[in-house]
Amino acid sequence: RPTGNPEEDTRDHIYQLKQGHKKCLEFALETIVAENELLEKAVRQKHADILELKKEVDTSYQEISNELAVLNNGNIARLGKDIKAAIKKQSI
């Protein structure tokens, strides 16, 4: 509502516009903050999943390494001989 003072009327008009912009920006900020929180939660869960998978891979790697070490210690040659002997026994 005009007061007759152009300076005051302009200031009031601009103030109302800025209040509208402020509300829009606050809403946008709230939306972005909420989305960011959801994304952070998802990232934390994925990170936990990755750490769990890493544990599983490390365990599997260690088991395979241990089995390979056993085979590399000459047991593979002995295993081959045992298989050949078993085949000979079956064919007799």
Protein backbone atom coordinates (compact mmCIF):
# COMPACT_ATOMS: atom_id res chain seq x y z
CA ARG A 1 0.00 0.00 0.00
CA PRO A 2 1.62 3.26 -1.07
CA THR A 3 2.54 5.73 1.65
CA GLY A 4 3.19 8.66 -0.61
CA ASN A 5 6.92 8.45 0.10
CA PRO A 6 8.48 6.92 -3.04
CA GLU A 7 11.66 5.88 -1.23
CA GLU A 8 9.75 4.02 1.49
CA ASP A 9 7.32 2.49 -1.02
CA THR A 10 10.21 1.23 -3.16
CA ARG A 11 11.97 -0.19 -0.11
CA ASP A 12 8.78 -2.00 0.99
CA HIS A 13 8.26 -3.39 -2.51
CA ILE A 14 11.85 -4.61 -2.78
CA TYR A 15 11.66 -6.05 0.74
CA GLN A 16 8.61 -8.13 -0.22
CA LEU A 17 10.39 -9.41 -3.34
CA LYS A 18 13.48 -10.29 -1.34
CA GLN A 19 11.36 -12.11 1.26
CA GLY A 20 9.88 -14.24 -1.54
CA HIS A 21 13.35 -15.00 -2.90
CA LYS A 22 14.56 -15.80 0.60
CA LYS A 23 11.74 -18.33 1.11
CA CYS A 24 12.53 -19.97 -2.24
CA LEU A 25 16.22 -20.18 -1.38
CA GLU A 26 15.50 -21.57 2.09
CA PHE A 27 13.27 -24.25 0.56
CA ALA A 28 15.95 -25.11 -2.01
CA LEU A 29 18.54 -25.32 0.76
CA GLU A 30 16.34 -27.61 2.88
CA THR A 31 15.79 -29.85 -0.15
CA ILE A 32 19.50 -30.01 -0.92
CA VAL A 33 20.42 -30.69 2.71
CA ALA A 34 17.87 -33.52 2.93
CA GLU A 35 19.12 -35.01 -0.34
CA ASN A 36 22.71 -34.68 0.84
CA GLU A 37 21.88 -36.54 4.06
CA LEU A 38 20.33 -39.38 2.06
CA LEU A 39 23.37 -39.53 -0.21
CA GLU A 40 25.75 -39.55 2.76
CA LYS A 41 23.80 -42.42 4.30
CA ALA A 42 23.96 -44.36 1.02
CA VAL A 43 27.69 -43.71 0.72
CA ARG A 44 28.30 -44.92 4.29
CA GLN A 45 26.34 -48.12 3.55
CA LYS A 46 28.21 -48.72 0.29
CA HIS A 47 31.50 -48.11 2.07
CA ALA A 48 30.57 -50.68 4.72
CA ASP A 49 29.62 -53.13 1.96
CA ILE A 50 32.96 -52.55 0.24
CA LEU A 51 34.86 -53.14 3.48
CA GLU A 52 32.94 -56.39 4.02
CA LEU A 53 33.72 -57.53 0.47
CA LYS A 54 37.37 -56.62 0.98
CA LYS A 55 37.43 -58.80 4.09
CA GLU A 56 35.94 -61.70 2.13
CA VAL A 57 38.43 -61.24 -0.72
CA ASP A 58 41.35 -61.04 1.70
CA THR A 59 40.20 -64.22 3.44
CA SER A 60 39.76 -66.05 0.13
CA TYR A 61 43.13 -64.82 -1.07
CA GLN A 62 44.80 -66.05 2.11
CA GLU A 63 43.13 -69.47 1.81
CA ILE A 64 44.17 -69.80 -1.83
CA SER A 65 47.70 -68.66 -1.03
CA ASN A 66 47.95 -71.25 1.73
CA GLU A 67 46.67 -74.01 -0.56
CA LEU A 68 49.05 -72.94 -3.31
CA ALA A 69 51.95 -72.97 -0.87
CA VAL A 70 51.05 -76.54 0.11
CA LEU A 71 50.93 -77.57 -3.54
CA ASN A 72 54.19 -75.81 -4.33
CA ASN A 73 56.00 -77.64 -1.53
CA GLY A 74 56.27 -80.77 -3.67
CA ASN A 75 52.90 -82.14 -2.73
CA ILE A 76 51.67 -81.69 -6.28
CA ALA A 77 54.33 -84.09 -7.57
CA ARG A 78 53.45 -86.59 -4.86
CA LEU A 79 49.76 -86.13 -5.65
CA GLY A 80 50.46 -86.90 -9.30
CA LYS A 81 52.30 -90.09 -8.32
CA ASP A 82 49.46 -91.10 -5.99
CA ILE A 83 46.92 -90.59 -8.77
CA LYS A 84 48.97 -92.67 -11.20
CA ALA A 85 49.33 -95.43 -8.59
CA ALA A 86 45.59 -95.39 -7.92
CA ILE A 87 44.88 -95.65 -11.64
CA LYS A 88 47.26 -98.61 -11.94
CA LYS A 89 45.54 -100.37 -9.02
CA GLN A 90 42.14 -99.87 -10.62
CA SER A 91 43.31 -101.22 -13.96
CA ILE A 92 44.74 -104.43 -12.42
